């Protein structure tokens, strides 16, 4: 998998107290590192929540033999 990282300058008004708390809580060396980690965690959490939306929408077959399908390539 290839990942392309794009960076852009951003001017945001952020709560200094929250940023300082995030830096300390995460053991980050910079505010930027703390914000990037927080955004990454937010995105990961949202993606996990999307998976939960699939509950009840995917059929389950207890007789499915996944090992049998492995041999058919």
N, C-alpha and C. Protein backbone atom coordinates (compact mmCIF):
# COMPACT_ATOMS: atom_id res chain seq x y z
N UNK A 1 0.84 -1.17 0.00
CA UNK A 1 0.00 0.00 0.00
C UNK A 1 0.89 1.24 0.00
N UNK A 2 0.58 2.17 -0.85
CA UNK A 2 1.36 3.39 -0.97
C UNK A 2 0.58 4.55 -0.35
N UNK A 3 1.22 5.28 0.52
CA UNK A 3 0.57 6.43 1.14
C UNK A 3 1.28 7.69 0.70
N UNK A 4 0.50 8.67 0.29
CA UNK A 4 1.05 9.97 -0.08
C UNK A 4 0.65 10.94 1.00
N UNK A 5 1.63 11.59 1.58
CA UNK A 5 1.36 12.54 2.65
C UNK A 5 1.37 13.96 2.06
N UNK A 6 0.30 14.67 2.28
CA UNK A 6 0.21 16.04 1.83
C UNK A 6 0.13 16.94 3.06
N UNK A 7 0.87 17.99 3.05
CA UNK A 7 0.87 18.91 4.17
C UNK A 7 0.43 20.28 3.68
N UNK A 8 -0.37 20.94 4.48
CA UNK A 8 -0.78 22.27 4.13
C UNK A 8 -0.73 23.16 5.37
N UNK A 9 -0.38 24.40 5.16
CA UNK A 9 -0.37 25.35 6.25
C UNK A 9 -1.82 25.64 6.64
N UNK A 10 -2.06 25.65 7.94
CA UNK A 10 -3.42 25.87 8.42
C UNK A 10 -3.38 26.87 9.56
N UNK A 11 -4.29 27.78 9.53
CA UNK A 11 -4.38 28.77 10.59
C UNK A 11 -5.65 28.48 11.38
N UNK A 12 -5.49 27.94 12.58
CA UNK A 12 -6.63 27.56 13.41
C UNK A 12 -6.54 28.25 14.76
N UNK A 13 -7.68 28.60 15.29
CA UNK A 13 -7.74 29.11 16.66
C UNK A 13 -8.07 27.92 17.54
N UNK A 14 -7.09 27.47 18.30
CA UNK A 14 -7.27 26.30 19.15
C UNK A 14 -7.16 26.70 20.61
N UNK A 15 -7.82 25.95 21.46
CA UNK A 15 -7.79 26.18 22.89
C UNK A 15 -6.40 25.81 23.42
N UNK A 16 -5.64 26.80 23.86
CA UNK A 16 -4.27 26.56 24.33
C UNK A 16 -4.22 25.56 25.48
N UNK A 17 -5.21 25.61 26.36
CA UNK A 17 -5.24 24.69 27.50
C UNK A 17 -5.40 23.25 27.01
N UNK A 18 -6.29 23.04 26.04
CA UNK A 18 -6.50 21.69 25.51
C UNK A 18 -5.27 21.18 24.76
N UNK A 19 -4.65 22.06 24.02
CA UNK A 19 -3.44 21.67 23.28
C UNK A 19 -2.35 21.27 24.26
N UNK A 20 -2.14 22.07 25.29
CA UNK A 20 -1.12 21.75 26.29
C UNK A 20 -1.43 20.42 26.97
N UNK A 21 -2.70 20.19 27.25
CA UNK A 21 -3.11 18.93 27.87
C UNK A 21 -2.87 17.75 26.93
N UNK A 22 -3.16 17.94 25.64
CA UNK A 22 -2.94 16.88 24.66
C UNK A 22 -1.46 16.57 24.50
N UNK A 23 -0.64 17.60 24.48
CA UNK A 23 0.81 17.41 24.36
C UNK A 23 1.31 16.58 25.55
N UNK A 24 0.86 16.95 26.73
CA UNK A 24 1.29 16.27 27.94
C UNK A 24 0.75 14.84 27.99
N UNK A 25 -0.54 14.67 27.71
CA UNK A 25 -1.17 13.35 27.79
C UNK A 25 -0.56 12.36 26.81
N UNK A 26 -0.22 12.85 25.62
CA UNK A 26 0.33 11.97 24.60
C UNK A 26 1.84 11.86 24.63
N UNK A 27 2.47 12.67 25.46
CA UNK A 27 3.93 12.67 25.51
C UNK A 27 4.55 13.20 24.23
N UNK A 28 3.84 14.10 23.57
CA UNK A 28 4.33 14.66 22.31
C UNK A 28 5.34 15.76 22.57
N UNK A 29 6.20 15.97 21.60
CA UNK A 29 7.23 17.00 21.73
C UNK A 29 6.75 18.34 21.19
N UNK A 30 5.75 18.30 20.30
CA UNK A 30 5.27 19.54 19.70
C UNK A 30 3.75 19.57 19.69
N UNK A 31 3.22 20.79 19.55
CA UNK A 31 1.77 20.95 19.41
C UNK A 31 1.29 20.28 18.13
N UNK A 32 2.08 20.42 17.08
CA UNK A 32 1.71 19.82 15.80
C UNK A 32 1.58 18.31 15.92
N UNK A 33 2.51 17.68 16.62
CA UNK A 33 2.46 16.23 16.80
C UNK A 33 1.20 15.83 17.57
N UNK A 34 0.85 16.62 18.58
CA UNK A 34 -0.34 16.33 19.38
C UNK A 34 -1.60 16.47 18.54
N UNK A 35 -1.68 17.51 17.74
CA UNK A 35 -2.87 17.73 16.90
C UNK A 35 -2.98 16.64 15.85
N UNK A 36 -1.88 16.28 15.21
CA UNK A 36 -1.90 15.22 14.20
C UNK A 36 -2.33 13.89 14.82
N UNK A 37 -1.83 13.58 16.02
CA UNK A 37 -2.23 12.34 16.69
C UNK A 37 -3.71 12.37 17.03
N UNK A 38 -4.20 13.51 17.50
CA UNK A 38 -5.62 13.63 17.85
C UNK A 38 -6.51 13.45 16.63
N UNK A 39 -6.12 14.03 15.52
CA UNK A 39 -6.90 13.89 14.29
C UNK A 39 -6.89 12.45 13.81
N UNK A 40 -5.73 11.80 13.89
CA UNK A 40 -5.63 10.40 13.47
C UNK A 40 -6.52 9.51 14.34
N UNK A 41 -6.53 9.76 15.65
CA UNK A 41 -7.40 8.98 16.54
C UNK A 41 -8.87 9.23 16.23
N UNK A 42 -9.22 10.47 15.94
CA UNK A 42 -10.60 10.82 15.60
C UNK A 42 -11.06 10.07 14.34
N UNK A 43 -10.23 10.09 13.32
CA UNK A 43 -10.57 9.42 12.06
C UNK A 43 -10.69 7.91 12.29
N UNK A 44 -9.76 7.32 13.04
CA UNK A 44 -9.81 5.88 13.31
C UNK A 44 -11.09 5.53 14.07
N UNK A 45 -11.45 6.34 15.03
CA UNK A 45 -12.67 6.08 15.81
C UNK A 45 -13.91 6.17 14.93
N UNK A 46 -13.96 7.18 14.08
CA UNK A 46 -15.11 7.31 13.18
C UNK A 46 -15.21 6.13 12.23
N UNK A 47 -14.07 5.63 11.75
CA UNK A 47 -14.08 4.47 10.87
C UNK A 47 -14.58 3.22 11.60
N UNK A 48 -14.19 3.08 12.87
CA UNK A 48 -14.70 1.94 13.65
C UNK A 48 -16.21 2.06 13.85
N UNK A 49 -16.70 3.25 14.07
CA UNK A 49 -18.14 3.45 14.25
C UNK A 49 -18.90 3.10 12.97
N UNK A 50 -18.31 3.38 11.81
CA UNK A 50 -18.95 3.02 10.54
C UNK A 50 -19.09 1.51 10.41
N UNK A 51 -18.12 0.77 10.93
CA UNK A 51 -18.19 -0.69 10.88
C UNK A 51 -19.37 -1.18 11.71
N UNK A 52 -19.62 -0.53 12.84
CA UNK A 52 -20.73 -0.94 13.70
C UNK A 52 -22.08 -0.76 13.01
N UNK A 53 -22.15 0.16 12.06
CA UNK A 53 -23.40 0.37 11.32
C UNK A 53 -23.78 -0.84 10.46
N UNK A 54 -22.84 -1.73 10.22
CA UNK A 54 -23.10 -2.91 9.42
C UNK A 54 -23.80 -4.02 10.20
N UNK A 55 -23.93 -3.83 11.50
CA UNK A 55 -24.58 -4.85 12.32
C UNK A 55 -25.97 -5.18 11.78
N UNK A 56 -26.21 -6.48 11.58
CA UNK A 56 -27.49 -6.93 11.08
C UNK A 56 -27.66 -6.84 9.58
N UNK A 57 -26.67 -6.29 8.88
CA UNK A 57 -26.78 -6.12 7.43
C UNK A 57 -25.97 -7.16 6.65
N UNK A 58 -25.17 -7.92 7.35
CA UNK A 58 -24.33 -8.93 6.70
C UNK A 58 -24.84 -10.30 7.11
N UNK A 59 -25.12 -11.12 6.10
CA UNK A 59 -25.63 -12.46 6.37
C UNK A 59 -24.57 -13.37 6.96
N UNK A 60 -24.98 -14.23 7.84
CA UNK A 60 -24.07 -15.18 8.48
C UNK A 60 -24.55 -16.59 8.17
N UNK A 61 -23.63 -17.40 7.66
CA UNK A 61 -23.96 -18.80 7.35
C UNK A 61 -23.08 -19.69 8.22
N UNK A 62 -23.65 -20.33 9.22
CA UNK A 62 -22.85 -21.18 10.10
C UNK A 62 -22.25 -22.38 9.37
N UNK A 63 -22.80 -22.76 8.22
CA UNK A 63 -22.29 -23.91 7.48
C UNK A 63 -21.19 -23.54 6.48
N UNK A 64 -20.82 -22.26 6.40
CA UNK A 64 -19.81 -21.81 5.44
C UNK A 64 -18.45 -22.42 5.78
N UNK A 65 -17.81 -23.01 4.80
CA UNK A 65 -16.52 -23.65 4.99
C UNK A 65 -15.45 -22.80 4.32
N UNK A 66 -14.86 -21.89 5.09
CA UNK A 66 -13.86 -20.99 4.52
C UNK A 66 -12.59 -21.74 4.11
N UNK A 67 -12.29 -22.83 4.76
CA UNK A 67 -11.10 -23.60 4.39
C UNK A 67 -11.26 -24.22 3.01
N UNK A 68 -12.45 -24.62 2.70
CA UNK A 68 -12.73 -25.19 1.38
C UNK A 68 -12.50 -24.16 0.28
N UNK A 69 -12.88 -22.92 0.52
CA UNK A 69 -12.71 -21.85 -0.47
C UNK A 69 -11.25 -21.47 -0.67
N UNK A 70 -10.41 -21.68 0.33
CA UNK A 70 -9.00 -21.32 0.20
C UNK A 70 -8.31 -22.09 -0.92
N UNK A 71 -8.71 -23.31 -1.13
CA UNK A 71 -8.08 -24.15 -2.16
C UNK A 71 -8.47 -23.79 -3.57
N UNK A 72 -9.51 -22.98 -3.74
CA UNK A 72 -9.99 -22.62 -5.07
C UNK A 72 -9.40 -21.29 -5.51
N UNK A 73 -8.19 -21.32 -6.03
CA UNK A 73 -7.57 -20.08 -6.51
C UNK A 73 -7.20 -20.18 -7.94
